[in-house]
């Protein structure tokens, strides 16, 4: 558990170094990282996010998403459709090339705090 926490904090610290979500190598000795991808999204507000996803050989997935200027490590959870990631009260929910960011502290039926985020094709 300690190695995982140190690796997570290190990855998040490196990501915060220049104020954006930097795709630092995710080093978790207990998990075998199968692959990782970085995507840029443009949201309805004009905000641009850089999100990095890691997939492990045991089926777990993680996403590093900037929230209010700070990178948060999200963990994949069960979803009826798309891929749903949780970090504290926040939910990053992707469906194909689209994504929304929710904050449960805003209320159960609250609108996303970032909506209509669409993958920028390079």
PDB file of N, CA and C in Angstrom:
ATOM      1  N   UNK A   1       0.823  -1.189   0.000  1.00  0.00           N
ATOM      2  CA  UNK A   1       0.000   0.000   0.000  1.00  0.00           C
ATOM      3  C   UNK A   1       0.867   1.253   0.000  1.00  0.00           C
ATOM      4  N   UNK A   2       1.962   1.212   0.756  1.00  0.00           N
ATOM      5  CA  UNK A   2       2.833   2.376   0.844  1.00  0.00           C
ATOM      6  C   UNK A   2       3.467   2.694  -0.503  1.00  0.00           C
ATOM      7  N   UNK A   3       3.930   1.658  -1.231  1.00  0.00           N
ATOM      8  CA  UNK A   3       4.533   1.883  -2.543  1.00  0.00           C
ATOM      9  C   UNK A   3       3.518   2.508  -3.489  1.00  0.00           C
ATOM     10  N   UNK A   4       2.277   2.025  -3.431  1.00  0.00           N
ATOM     11  CA  UNK A   4       1.228   2.553  -4.299  1.00  0.00           C
ATOM     12  C   UNK A   4       0.990   4.026  -4.003  1.00  0.00           C
ATOM     13  N   UNK A   5       0.915   4.386  -2.728  1.00  0.00           N
ATOM     14  CA  UNK A   5       0.666   5.759  -2.328  1.00  0.00           C
ATOM     15  C   UNK A   5       1.817   6.660  -2.757  1.00  0.00           C
ATOM     16  N   UNK A   6       3.042   6.229  -2.555  1.00  0.00           N
ATOM     17  CA  UNK A   6       4.208   7.014  -2.958  1.00  0.00           C
ATOM     18  C   UNK A   6       4.215   7.212  -4.466  1.00  0.00           C
ATOM     19  N   UNK A   7       3.918   6.150  -5.224  1.00  0.00           N
ATOM     20  CA  UNK A   7       3.895   6.253  -6.685  1.00  0.00           C
ATOM     21  C   UNK A   7       2.796   7.191  -7.155  1.00  0.00           C
ATOM     22  N   UNK A   8       1.650   7.117  -6.539  1.00  0.00           N
ATOM     23  CA  UNK A   8       0.533   7.976  -6.915  1.00  0.00           C
ATOM     24  C   UNK A   8       0.859   9.434  -6.636  1.00  0.00           C
ATOM     25  N   UNK A   9       1.387   9.713  -5.455  1.00  0.00           N
ATOM     26  CA  UNK A   9       1.740  11.082  -5.100  1.00  0.00           C
ATOM     27  C   UNK A   9       2.839  11.603  -6.012  1.00  0.00           C
ATOM     28  N   UNK A  10       3.802  10.760  -6.339  1.00  0.00           N
ATOM     29  CA  UNK A  10       4.885  11.160  -7.245  1.00  0.00           C
ATOM     30  C   UNK A  10       4.324  11.513  -8.612  1.00  0.00           C
ATOM     31  N   UNK A  11       3.445  10.657  -9.151  1.00  0.00           N
ATOM     32  CA  UNK A  11       2.849  10.913 -10.464  1.00  0.00           C
ATOM     33  C   UNK A  11       2.048  12.205 -10.446  1.00  0.00           C
ATOM     34  N   UNK A  12       1.282  12.419  -9.386  1.00  0.00           N
ATOM     35  CA  UNK A  12       0.471  13.633  -9.289  1.00  0.00           C
ATOM     36  C   UNK A  12       1.349  14.867  -9.120  1.00  0.00           C
ATOM     37  N   UNK A  13       2.409  14.732  -8.352  1.00  0.00           N
ATOM     38  CA  UNK A  13       3.327  15.850  -8.165  1.00  0.00           C
ATOM     39  C   UNK A  13       4.013  16.236  -9.459  1.00  0.00           C
ATOM     40  N   UNK A  14       4.458  15.254 -10.217  1.00  0.00           N
ATOM     41  CA  UNK A  14       5.071  15.529 -11.512  1.00  0.00           C
ATOM     42  C   UNK A  14       4.067  16.145 -12.463  1.00  0.00           C
ATOM     43  N   UNK A  15       2.837  15.695 -12.407  1.00  0.00           N
ATOM     44  CA  UNK A  15       1.795  16.231 -13.278  1.00  0.00           C
ATOM     45  C   UNK A  15       1.524  17.695 -12.960  1.00  0.00           C
ATOM     46  N   UNK A  16       1.637  18.060 -11.702  1.00  0.00           N
ATOM     47  CA  UNK A  16       1.347  19.430 -11.295  1.00  0.00           C
ATOM     48  C   UNK A  16       2.520  20.375 -11.552  1.00  0.00           C
ATOM     49  N   UNK A  17       3.672  19.848 -11.900  1.00  0.00           N
ATOM     50  CA  UNK A  17       4.888  20.637 -12.037  1.00  0.00           C
ATOM     51  C   UNK A  17       4.709  21.858 -12.923  1.00  0.00           C
ATOM     52  N   UNK A  18       4.085  21.703 -14.096  1.00  0.00           N
ATOM     53  CA  UNK A  18       3.917  22.851 -14.972  1.00  0.00           C
ATOM     54  C   UNK A  18       2.474  23.343 -15.021  1.00  0.00           C
ATOM     55  N   UNK A  19       1.629  22.887 -14.093  1.00  0.00           N
ATOM     56  CA  UNK A  19       0.266  23.367 -14.028  1.00  0.00           C
ATOM     57  C   UNK A  19      -0.695  22.638 -14.948  1.00  0.00           C
ATOM     58  N   UNK A  20      -0.216  21.651 -15.698  1.00  0.00           N
ATOM     59  CA  UNK A  20      -1.106  20.877 -16.558  1.00  0.00           C
ATOM     60  C   UNK A  20      -0.918  19.400 -16.257  1.00  0.00           C
ATOM     61  N   UNK A  21      -1.796  18.577 -16.803  1.00  0.00           N
ATOM     62  CA  UNK A  21      -1.722  17.139 -16.538  1.00  0.00           C
ATOM     63  C   UNK A  21      -0.639  16.531 -17.420  1.00  0.00           C
ATOM     64  N   UNK A  22       0.536  16.348 -16.886  1.00  0.00           N
ATOM     65  CA  UNK A  22       1.672  15.767 -17.587  1.00  0.00           C
ATOM     66  C   UNK A  22       1.611  14.254 -17.459  1.00  0.00           C
ATOM     67  N   UNK A  23       1.868  13.542 -18.536  1.00  0.00           N
ATOM     68  CA  UNK A  23       1.780  12.079 -18.536  1.00  0.00           C
ATOM     69  C   UNK A  23       3.056  11.467 -17.976  1.00  0.00           C
ATOM     70  N   UNK A  24       3.226  11.568 -16.683  1.00  0.00           N
ATOM     71  CA  UNK A  24       4.381  10.979 -16.016  1.00  0.00           C
ATOM     72  C   UNK A  24       4.231   9.463 -15.990  1.00  0.00           C
ATOM     73  N   UNK A  25       5.336   8.724 -16.032  1.00  0.00           N
ATOM     74  CA  UNK A  25       5.238   7.271 -15.951  1.00  0.00           C
ATOM     75  C   UNK A  25       4.583   6.849 -14.636  1.00  0.00           C
ATOM     76  N   UNK A  26       3.585   6.015 -14.726  1.00  0.00           N
ATOM     77  CA  UNK A  26       2.903   5.518 -13.536  1.00  0.00           C
ATOM     78  C   UNK A  26       3.633   4.261 -13.087  1.00  0.00           C
ATOM     79  N   UNK A  27       4.255   4.318 -11.922  1.00  0.00           N
ATOM     80  CA  UNK A  27       5.060   3.221 -11.411  1.00  0.00           C
ATOM     81  C   UNK A  27       4.375   2.584 -10.205  1.00  0.00           C
ATOM     82  N   UNK A  28       3.717   1.480 -10.408  1.00  0.00           N
ATOM     83  CA  UNK A  28       3.076   0.745  -9.327  1.00  0.00           C
ATOM     84  C   UNK A  28       3.567  -0.693  -9.407  1.00  0.00           C
ATOM     85  N   UNK A  29       4.431  -1.052  -8.485  1.00  0.00           N
ATOM     86  CA  UNK A  29       5.034  -2.382  -8.576  1.00  0.00           C
ATOM     87  C   UNK A  29       4.004  -3.489  -8.416  1.00  0.00           C
ATOM     88  N   UNK A  30       2.902  -3.210  -7.723  1.00  0.00           N
ATOM     89  CA  UNK A  30       1.872  -4.229  -7.529  1.00  0.00           C
ATOM     90  C   UNK A  30       0.990  -4.408  -8.759  1.00  0.00           C
ATOM     91  N   UNK A  31       0.985  -3.436  -9.661  1.00  0.00           N
ATOM     92  CA  UNK A  31       0.147  -3.479 -10.861  1.00  0.00           C
ATOM     93  C   UNK A  31       1.020  -3.469 -12.107  1.00  0.00           C
ATOM     94  N   UNK A  32       0.650  -4.249 -13.073  1.00  0.00           N
ATOM     95  CA  UNK A  32       1.367  -4.265 -14.342  1.00  0.00           C
ATOM     96  C   UNK A  32       0.628  -3.361 -15.328  1.00  0.00           C
ATOM     97  N   UNK A  33       1.231  -2.230 -15.684  1.00  0.00           N
ATOM     98  CA  UNK A  33       0.627  -1.304 -16.630  1.00  0.00           C
ATOM     99  C   UNK A  33       0.731  -1.904 -18.026  1.00  0.00           C
ATOM    100  N   UNK A  34      -0.420  -2.110 -18.646  1.00  0.00           N
ATOM    101  CA  UNK A  34      -0.476  -2.691 -19.984  1.00  0.00           C
ATOM    102  C   UNK A  34      -0.247  -1.616 -21.048  1.00  0.00           C
ATOM    103  N   UNK A  35      -0.924  -0.485 -20.898  1.00  0.00           N
ATOM    104  CA  UNK A  35      -0.750   0.623 -21.837  1.00  0.00           C
ATOM    105  C   UNK A  35      -1.259   1.910 -21.221  1.00  0.00           C
ATOM    106  N   UNK A  36      -0.906   3.009 -21.846  1.00  0.00           N
ATOM    107  CA  UNK A  36      -1.434   4.303 -21.428  1.00  0.00           C
ATOM    108  C   UNK A  36      -1.630   5.181 -22.656  1.00  0.00           C
ATOM    109  N   UNK A  37      -2.570   6.090 -22.540  1.00  0.00           N
ATOM    110  CA  UNK A  37      -2.890   7.010 -23.627  1.00  0.00           C
ATOM    111  C   UNK A  37      -3.154   8.383 -23.033  1.00  0.00           C
ATOM    112  N   UNK A  38      -2.816   9.418 -23.775  1.00  0.00           N
ATOM    113  CA  UNK A  38      -3.124  10.784 -23.366  1.00  0.00           C
ATOM    114  C   UNK A  38      -4.022  11.402 -24.424  1.00  0.00           C
ATOM    115  N   UNK A  39      -5.113  12.015 -23.969  1.00  0.00           N
ATOM    116  CA  UNK A  39      -6.058  12.677 -24.868  1.00  0.00           C
ATOM    117  C   UNK A  39      -6.263  14.107 -24.417  1.00  0.00           C
ATOM    118  N   UNK A  40      -6.461  14.993 -25.386  1.00  0.00           N
ATOM    119  CA  UNK A  40      -6.846  16.360 -25.078  1.00  0.00           C
ATOM    120  C   UNK A  40      -8.322  16.497 -25.401  1.00  0.00           C
ATOM    121  N   UNK A  41      -9.020  17.214 -24.521  1.00  0.00           N
ATOM    122  CA  UNK A  41     -10.449  17.468 -24.687  1.00  0.00           C
ATOM    123  C   UNK A  41     -10.677  18.969 -24.711  1.00  0.00           C
ATOM    124  N   UNK A  42     -11.622  19.409 -25.532  1.00  0.00           N
ATOM    125  CA  UNK A  42     -12.105  20.778 -25.477  1.00  0.00           C
ATOM    126  C   UNK A  42     -13.546  20.721 -24.984  1.00  0.00           C
ATOM    127  N   UNK A  43     -13.855  21.538 -23.992  1.00  0.00           N
ATOM    128  CA  UNK A  43     -15.173  21.500 -23.343  1.00  0.00           C
ATOM    129  C   UNK A  43     -16.039  22.666 -23.809  1.00  0.00           C
ATOM    130  N   UNK A  44     -17.329  22.602 -23.498  1.00  0.00           N
ATOM    131  CA  UNK A  44     -18.292  23.622 -23.919  1.00  0.00           C
ATOM    132  C   UNK A  44     -17.878  25.022 -23.470  1.00  0.00           C
ATOM    133  N   UNK A  45     -17.196  25.117 -22.335  1.00  0.00           N
ATOM    134  CA  UNK A  45     -16.750  26.415 -21.810  1.00  0.00           C
ATOM    135  C   UNK A  45     -15.519  26.950 -22.540  1.00  0.00           C
ATOM    136  N   UNK A  46     -14.913  26.133 -23.418  1.00  0.00           N
ATOM    137  CA  UNK A  46     -13.672  26.500 -24.090  1.00  0.00           C
ATOM    138  C   UNK A  46     -12.444  25.988 -23.365  1.00  0.00           C
ATOM    139  N   UNK A  47     -12.629  25.451 -22.170  1.00  0.00           N
ATOM    140  CA  UNK A  47     -11.518  24.894 -21.386  1.00  0.00           C
ATOM    141  C   UNK A  47     -10.955  23.675 -22.108  1.00  0.00           C
ATOM    142  N   UNK A  48      -9.634  23.561 -22.111  1.00  0.00           N
ATOM    143  CA  UNK A  48      -8.967  22.401 -22.711  1.00  0.00           C
ATOM    144  C   UNK A  48      -8.331  21.586 -21.593  1.00  0.00           C
ATOM    145  N   UNK A  49      -8.611  20.291 -21.602  1.00  0.00           N
ATOM    146  CA  UNK A  49      -8.065  19.372 -20.599  1.00  0.00           C
ATOM    147  C   UNK A  49      -7.165  18.354 -21.270  1.00  0.00           C
ATOM    148  N   UNK A  50      -6.087  17.999 -20.606  1.00  0.00           N
ATOM    149  CA  UNK A  50      -5.248  16.886 -21.031  1.00  0.00           C
ATOM    150  C   UNK A  50      -5.434  15.783 -19.999  1.00  0.00           C
ATOM    151  N   UNK A  51      -5.912  14.636 -20.449  1.00  0.00           N
ATOM    152  CA  UNK A  51      -6.213  13.514 -19.565  1.00  0.00           C
ATOM    153  C   UNK A  51      -5.393  12.313 -19.999  1.00  0.00           C
ATOM    154  N   UNK A  52      -4.740  11.674 -19.026  1.00  0.00           N
ATOM    155  CA  UNK A  52      -3.963  10.464 -19.306  1.00  0.00           C
ATOM    156  C   UNK A  52      -4.670   9.280 -18.676  1.00  0.00           C
ATOM    157  N   UNK A  53      -4.784   8.209 -19.458  1.00  0.00           N
ATOM    158  CA  UNK A  53      -5.431   6.969 -19.014  1.00  0.00           C
ATOM    159  C   UNK A  53      -4.393   5.859 -18.950  1.00  0.00           C
ATOM    160  N   UNK A  54      -4.468   5.039 -17.901  1.00  0.00           N
ATOM    161  CA  UNK A  54      -3.619   3.859 -17.758  1.00  0.00           C
ATOM    162  C   UNK A  54      -4.513   2.635 -17.633  1.00  0.00           C
ATOM    163  N   UNK A  55      -4.180   1.574 -18.356  1.00  0.00           N
ATOM    164  CA  UNK A  55      -4.876   0.298 -18.251  1.00  0.00           C
ATOM    165  C   UNK A  55      -3.887  -0.730 -17.727  1.00  0.00           C
ATOM    166  N   UNK A  56      -4.347  -1.573 -16.799  1.00  0.00           N
ATOM    167  CA  UNK A  56      -3.476  -2.588 -16.225  1.00  0.00           C
ATOM    168  C   UNK A  56      -3.832  -3.955 -16.778  1.00  0.00           C
ATOM    169  N   UNK A  57      -2.927  -4.896 -16.610  1.00  0.00           N
ATOM    170  CA  UNK A  57      -3.156  -6.253 -17.112  1.00  0.00           C
ATOM    171  C   UNK A  57      -4.241  -6.980 -16.329  1.00  0.00           C
ATOM    172  N   UNK A  58      -4.591  -6.501 -15.125  1.00  0.00           N
ATOM    173  CA  UNK A  58      -5.651  -7.159 -14.354  1.00  0.00           C
ATOM    174  C   UNK A  58      -7.022  -6.530 -14.592  1.00  0.00           C
ATOM    175  N   UNK A  59      -7.120  -5.592 -15.537  1.00  0.00           N
ATOM    176  CA  UNK A  59      -8.407  -5.016 -15.910  1.00  0.00           C
ATOM    177  C   UNK A  59      -8.736  -3.680 -15.263  1.00  0.00           C
ATOM    178  N   UNK A  60      -7.910  -3.204 -14.343  1.00  0.00           N
ATOM    179  CA  UNK A  60      -8.165  -1.900 -13.734  1.00  0.00           C
ATOM    180  C   UNK A  60      -7.743  -0.784 -14.676  1.00  0.00           C
ATOM    181  N   UNK A  61      -8.412   0.356 -14.538  1.00  0.00           N
ATOM    182  CA  UNK A  61      -8.067   1.541 -15.328  1.00  0.00           C
ATOM    183  C   UNK A  61      -8.022   2.759 -14.425  1.00  0.00           C
ATOM    184  N   UNK A  62      -7.155   3.685 -14.767  1.00  0.00           N
ATOM    185  CA  UNK A  62      -6.986   4.925 -14.020  1.00  0.00           C
ATOM    186  C   UNK A  62      -6.959   6.091 -15.002  1.00  0.00           C
ATOM    187  N   UNK A  63      -7.344   7.262 -14.527  1.00  0.00           N
ATOM    188  CA  UNK A  63      -7.272   8.475 -15.345  1.00  0.00           C
ATOM    189  C   UNK A  63      -6.729   9.613 -14.491  1.00  0.00           C
ATOM    190  N   UNK A  64      -5.804  10.377 -15.034  1.00  0.00           N
ATOM    191  CA  UNK A  64      -5.286  11.565 -14.372  1.00  0.00           C
ATOM    192  C   UNK A  64      -5.977  12.753 -15.025  1.00  0.00           C
ATOM    193  N   UNK A  65      -6.871  13.395 -14.269  1.00  0.00           N
ATOM    194  CA  UNK A  65      -7.713  14.476 -14.790  1.00  0.00           C
ATOM    195  C   UNK A  65      -7.455  15.744 -13.976  1.00  0.00           C
ATOM    196  N   UNK A  66      -7.205  16.879 -14.652  1.00  0.00           N
ATOM    197  CA  UNK A  66      -7.048  18.125 -13.905  1.00  0.00           C
ATOM    198  C   UNK A  66      -8.419  18.649 -13.463  1.00  0.00           C
ATOM    199  N   UNK A  67      -8.563  18.930 -12.172  1.00  0.00           N
ATOM    200  CA  UNK A  67      -9.801  19.468 -11.619  1.00  0.00           C
ATOM    201  C   UNK A  67      -9.449  20.727 -10.832  1.00  0.00           C
ATOM    202  N   UNK A  68     -10.019  21.834 -11.232  1.00  0.00           N
ATOM    203  CA  UNK A  68      -9.754  23.121 -10.578  1.00  0.00           C
ATOM    204  C   UNK A  68      -8.263  23.397 -10.464  1.00  0.00           C
ATOM    205  N   UNK A  69      -7.530  23.098 -11.535  1.00  0.00           N
ATOM    206  CA  UNK A  69      -6.107  23.385 -11.594  1.00  0.00           C
ATOM    207  C   UNK A  69      -5.195  22.374 -10.942  1.00  0.00           C
ATOM    208  N   UNK A  70      -5.767  21.297 -10.377  1.00  0.00           N
ATOM    209  CA  UNK A  70      -4.942  20.282  -9.725  1.00  0.00           C
ATOM    210  C   UNK A  70      -5.224  18.914 -10.339  1.00  0.00           C
ATOM    211  N   UNK A  71      -4.165  18.131 -10.603  1.00  0.00           N
ATOM    212  CA  UNK A  71      -4.380  16.792 -11.160  1.00  0.00           C
ATOM    213  C   UNK A  71      -4.898  15.835 -10.083  1.00  0.00           C
ATOM    214  N   UNK A  72      -5.943  15.088 -10.419  1.00  0.00           N
ATOM    215  CA  UNK A  72      -6.483  14.072  -9.516  1.00  0.00           C
ATOM    216  C   UNK A  72      -6.415  12.718 -10.207  1.00  0.00           C
ATOM    217  N   UNK A  73      -6.079  11.678  -9.449  1.00  0.00           N
ATOM    218  CA  UNK A  73      -6.031  10.328  -9.978  1.00  0.00           C
ATOM    219  C   UNK A  73      -7.396   9.676  -9.776  1.00  0.00           C
ATOM    220  N   UNK A  74      -8.074   9.352 -10.868  1.00  0.00           N
ATOM    221  CA  UNK A  74      -9.397   8.741 -10.858  1.00  0.00           C
ATOM    222  C   UNK A  74      -9.266   7.237 -11.086  1.00  0.00           C
ATOM    223  N   UNK A  75     -10.175   6.459 -10.503  1.00  0.00           N
ATOM    224  CA  UNK A  75     -10.205   5.008 -10.641  1.00  0.00           C
ATOM    225  C   UNK A  75     -11.477   4.620 -11.372  1.00  0.00           C
ATOM    226  N   UNK A  76     -11.363   3.717 -12.340  1.00  0.00           N
ATOM    227  CA  UNK A  76     -12.513   3.255 -13.111  1.00  0.00           C
ATOM    228  C   UNK A  76     -13.492   2.513 -12.215  1.00  0.00           C
ATOM    229  N   UNK A  77     -14.797   2.797 -12.385  1.00  0.00           N
ATOM    230  CA  UNK A  77     -15.856   2.137 -11.637  1.00  0.00           C
ATOM    231  C   UNK A  77     -16.911   1.616 -12.603  1.00  0.00           C
ATOM    232  N   UNK A  78     -17.890   0.893 -12.089  1.00  0.00           N
ATOM    233  CA  UNK A  78     -18.945   0.317 -12.923  1.00  0.00           C
ATOM    234  C   UNK A  78     -19.784   1.419 -13.543  1.00  0.00           C
ATOM    235  N   UNK A  79     -20.118   1.215 -14.821  1.00  0.00           N
ATOM    236  CA  UNK A  79     -20.920   2.178 -15.552  1.00  0.00           C
ATOM    237  C   UNK A  79     -21.906   1.442 -16.445  1.00  0.00           C
ATOM    238  N   UNK A  80     -23.096   1.997 -16.584  1.00  0.00           N
ATOM    239  CA  UNK A  80     -24.082   1.418 -17.496  1.00  0.00           C
ATOM    240  C   UNK A  80     -23.677   1.605 -18.945  1.00  0.00           C
ATOM    241  N   UNK A  81     -22.998   2.705 -19.228  1.00  0.00           N
ATOM    242  CA  UNK A  81     -22.477   2.951 -20.576  1.00  0.00           C
ATOM    243  C   UNK A  81     -21.253   3.855 -20.455  1.00  0.00           C
ATOM    244  N   UNK A  82     -20.329   3.687 -21.350  1.00  0.00           N
ATOM    245  CA  UNK A  82     -19.105   4.472 -21.325  1.00  0.00           C
ATOM    246  C   UNK A  82     -18.157   4.000 -20.237  1.00  0.00           C
ATOM    247  N   UNK A  83     -17.194   4.847 -19.917  1.00  0.00           N
ATOM    248  CA  UNK A  83     -16.223   4.562 -18.859  1.00  0.00           C
ATOM    249  C   UNK A  83     -16.366   5.633 -17.798  1.00  0.00           C
ATOM    250  N   UNK A  84     -16.563   5.199 -16.561  1.00  0.00           N
ATOM    251  CA  UNK A  84     -16.806   6.099 -15.435  1.00  0.00           C
ATOM    252  C   UNK A  84     -15.637   5.994 -14.466  1.00  0.00           C
ATOM    253  N   UNK A  85     -15.064   7.147 -14.112  1.00  0.00           N
ATOM    254  CA  UNK A  85     -13.923   7.205 -13.206  1.00  0.00           C
ATOM    255  C   UNK A  85     -14.289   8.063 -12.001  1.00  0.00           C
ATOM    256  N   UNK A  86     -13.832   7.676 -10.810  1.00  0.00           N
ATOM    257  CA  UNK A  86     -14.135   8.388  -9.568  1.00  0.00           C
ATOM    258  C   UNK A  86     -12.852   8.831  -8.873  1.00  0.00           C
ATOM    259  N   UNK A  87     -12.902  10.034  -8.288  1.00  0.00           N
ATOM    260  CA  UNK A  87     -11.838  10.549  -7.419  1.00  0.00           C
ATOM    261  C   UNK A  87     -12.515  11.434  -6.386  1.00  0.00           C
ATOM    262  N   UNK A  88     -12.641  10.933  -5.175  1.00  0.00           N
ATOM    263  CA  UNK A  88     -13.341  11.687  -4.136  1.00  0.00           C
ATOM    264  C   UNK A  88     -14.778  11.939  -4.556  1.00  0.00           C
ATOM    265  N   UNK A  89     -15.207  13.184  -4.546  1.00  0.00           N
ATOM    266  CA  UNK A  89     -16.582  13.516  -4.928  1.00  0.00           C
ATOM    267  C   UNK A  89     -16.741  13.722  -6.430  1.00  0.00           C
ATOM    268  N   UNK A  90     -15.649  13.613  -7.186  1.00  0.00           N
ATOM    269  CA  UNK A  90     -15.689  13.890  -8.621  1.00  0.00           C
ATOM    270  C   UNK A  90     -15.884  12.621  -9.451  1.00  0.00           C
ATOM    271  N   UNK A  91     -16.603  12.783 -10.560  1.00  0.00           N
ATOM    272  CA  UNK A  91     -16.806  11.709 -11.541  1.00  0.00           C
ATOM    273  C   UNK A  91     -16.432  12.227 -12.919  1.00  0.00           C
ATOM    274  N   UNK A  92     -15.540  11.526 -13.592  1.00  0.00           N
ATOM    275  CA  UNK A  92     -15.169  11.801 -14.990  1.00  0.00           C
ATOM    276  C   UNK A  92     -15.810  10.682 -15.795  1.00  0.00           C
ATOM    277  N   UNK A  93     -16.781  11.017 -16.647  1.00  0.00           N
ATOM    278  CA  UNK A  93     -17.555  10.001 -17.352  1.00  0.00           C
ATOM    279  C   UNK A  93     -17.398  10.197 -18.850  1.00  0.00           C
ATOM    280  N   UNK A  94     -16.762   9.220 -19.491  1.00  0.00           N
ATOM    281  CA  UNK A  94     -16.537   9.285 -20.935  1.00  0.00           C
ATOM    282  C   UNK A  94     -17.490   8.340 -21.652  1.00  0.00           C
ATOM    283  N   UNK A  95     -17.940   8.774 -22.817  1.00  0.00           N
ATOM    284  CA  UNK A  95     -18.779   7.953 -23.701  1.00  0.00           C
ATOM    285  C   UNK A  95     -18.294   8.225 -25.110  1.00  0.00           C
ATOM    286  N   UNK A  96     -17.516   7.279 -25.653  1.00  0.00           N
ATOM    287  CA  UNK A  96     -16.901   7.513 -26.959  1.00  0.00           C
ATOM    288  C   UNK A  96     -15.942   8.687 -26.863  1.00  0.00           C
ATOM    289  N   UNK A  97     -16.018   9.647 -27.804  1.00  0.00           N
ATOM    290  CA  UNK A  97     -15.098  10.793 -27.775  1.00  0.00           C
ATOM    291  C   UNK A  97     -15.544  11.910 -26.840  1.00  0.00           C
ATOM    292  N   UNK A  98     -16.641  11.742 -26.141  1.00  0.00           N
ATOM    293  CA  UNK A  98     -17.204  12.796 -25.276  1.00  0.00           C
ATOM    294  C   UNK A  98     -16.995  12.468 -23.802  1.00  0.00           C
ATOM    295  N   UNK A  99     -16.967  13.530 -22.967  1.00  0.00           N
ATOM    296  CA  UNK A  99     -16.796  13.340 -21.524  1.00  0.00           C
ATOM    297  C   UNK A  99     -17.430  14.502 -20.772  1.00  0.00           C
ATOM    298  N   UNK A 100     -17.809  14.224 -19.527  1.00  0.00           N
ATOM    299  CA  UNK A 100     -18.346  15.227 -18.611  1.00  0.00           C
ATOM    300  C   UNK A 100     -17.687  15.037 -17.254  1.00  0.00           C
ATOM    301  N   UNK A 101     -17.566  16.129 -16.503  1.00  0.00           N
ATOM    302  CA  UNK A 101     -17.018  16.087 -15.148  1.00  0.00           C
ATOM    303  C   UNK A 101     -18.104  16.538 -14.178  1.00  0.00           C
ATOM    304  N   UNK A 102     -18.399  15.692 -13.186  1.00  0.00           N
ATOM    305  CA  UNK A 102     -19.422  15.965 -12.189  1.00  0.00           C
ATOM    306  C   UNK A 102     -18.789  16.096 -10.815  1.00  0.00           C
ATOM    307  N   UNK A 103     -19.463  16.850  -9.941  1.00  0.00           N
ATOM    308  CA  UNK A 103     -19.074  16.944  -8.545  1.00  0.00           C
ATOM    309  C   UNK A 103     -20.289  16.579  -7.701  1.00  0.00           C
ATOM    310  N   UNK A 104     -20.233  15.454  -6.991  1.00  0.00           N
ATOM    311  CA  UNK A 104     -21.354  14.985  -6.179  1.00  0.00           C
ATOM    312  C   UNK A 104     -21.716  15.991  -5.086  1.00  0.00           C
ATOM    313  N   UNK A 105     -20.773  16.843  -4.700  1.00  0.00           N
ATOM    314  CA  UNK A 105     -21.045  17.843  -3.673  1.00  0.00           C
ATOM    315  C   UNK A 105     -21.999  18.929  -4.185  1.00  0.00           C
ATOM    316  N   UNK A 106     -22.203  18.984  -5.509  1.00  0.00           N
ATOM    317  CA  UNK A 106     -23.121  19.962  -6.097  1.00  0.00           C
ATOM    318  C   UNK A 106     -24.568  19.506  -6.013  1.00  0.00           C
ATOM    319  N   UNK A 107     -24.790  18.255  -5.615  1.00  0.00           N
ATOM    320  CA  UNK A 107     -26.148  17.717  -5.511  1.00  0.00           C
ATOM    321  C   UNK A 107     -26.335  16.541  -6.442  1.00  0.00           C
ATOM    322  N   UNK A 108     -27.288  15.696  -6.088  1.00  0.00           N
ATOM    323  CA  UNK A 108     -27.506  14.452  -6.826  1.00  0.00           C
ATOM    324  C   UNK A 108     -27.878  14.669  -8.293  1.00  0.00           C
ATOM    325  N   UNK A 109     -28.679  15.673  -8.583  1.00  0.00           N
ATOM    326  CA  UNK A 109     -29.134  15.919  -9.958  1.00  0.00           C
ATOM    327  C   UNK A 109     -28.498  17.157 -10.577  1.00  0.00           C
ATOM    328  N   UNK A 110     -27.358  17.575 -10.047  1.00  0.00           N
ATOM    329  CA  UNK A 110     -26.679  18.777 -10.543  1.00  0.00           C
ATOM    330  C   UNK A 110     -26.101  18.548 -11.936  1.00  0.00           C
ATOM    331  N   UNK A 111     -26.019  19.616 -12.680  1.00  0.00           N
ATOM    332  CA  UNK A 111     -25.388  19.574 -13.999  1.00  0.00           C
ATOM    333  C   UNK A 111     -23.890  19.353 -13.835  1.00  0.00           C
ATOM    334  N   UNK A 112     -23.240  18.860 -14.888  1.00  0.00           N
ATOM    335  CA  UNK A 112     -21.780  18.678 -14.814  1.00  0.00           C
ATOM    336  C   UNK A 112     -21.070  20.015 -14.590  1.00  0.00           C
ATOM    337  N   UNK A 113     -19.932  19.966 -13.911  1.00  0.00           N
ATOM    338  CA  UNK A 113     -19.156  21.196 -13.742  1.00  0.00           C
ATOM    339  C   UNK A 113     -18.358  21.498 -15.012  1.00  0.00           C
ATOM    340  N   UNK A 114     -18.097  20.473 -15.809  1.00  0.00           N
ATOM    341  CA  UNK A 114     -17.563  20.619 -17.175  1.00  0.00           C
ATOM    342  C   UNK A 114     -18.375  19.679 -18.051  1.00  0.00           C
ATOM    343  N   UNK A 115     -18.929  20.208 -19.138  1.00  0.00           N
ATOM    344  CA  UNK A 115     -19.771  19.362 -19.992  1.00  0.00           C
ATOM    345  C   UNK A 115     -19.350  19.449 -21.443  1.00  0.00           C
ATOM    346  N   UNK A 116     -19.851  18.493 -22.196  1.00  0.00           N
ATOM    347  CA  UNK A 116     -19.607  18.432 -23.635  1.00  0.00           C
ATOM    348  C   UNK A 116     -18.131  18.546 -23.991  1.00  0.00           C
ATOM    349  N   UNK A 117     -17.304  17.850 -23.227  1.00  0.00           N
ATOM    350  CA  UNK A 117     -15.869  17.797 -23.525  1.00  0.00           C
ATOM    351  C   UNK A 117     -15.696  16.783 -24.653  1.00  0.00           C
ATOM    352  N   UNK A 118     -14.993  17.170 -25.693  1.00  0.00           N
ATOM    353  CA  UNK A 118     -14.836  16.331 -26.876  1.00  0.00           C
ATOM    354  C   UNK A 118     -13.348  16.145 -27.153  1.00  0.00           C
ATOM    355  N   UNK A 119     -12.972  14.910 -27.479  1.00  0.00           N
ATOM    356  CA  UNK A 119     -11.569  14.608 -27.798  1.00  0.00           C
ATOM    357  C   UNK A 119     -11.111  15.434 -28.985  1.00  0.00           C
ATOM    358  N   UNK A 120      -9.956  16.066 -28.846  1.00  0.00           N
ATOM    359  CA  UNK A 120      -9.330  16.801 -29.949  1.00  0.00           C
ATOM    360  C   UNK A 120      -8.519  15.793 -30.754  1.00  0.00           C
ATOM    361  N   UNK A 121      -8.863  15.629 -32.012  1.00  0.00           N
ATOM    362  CA  UNK A 121      -8.144  14.685 -32.882  1.00  0.00           C
ATOM    363  C   UNK A 121      -6.897  15.364 -33.382  1.00  0.00           C
ATOM    364  N   UNK A 122      -5.754  14.691 -33.228  1.00  0.00           N
ATOM    365  CA  UNK A 122      -4.458  15.274 -33.637  1.00  0.00           C
ATOM    366  C   UNK A 122      -4.166  14.993 -35.067  1.00  0.00           C
TER     367      UNK A 122
END
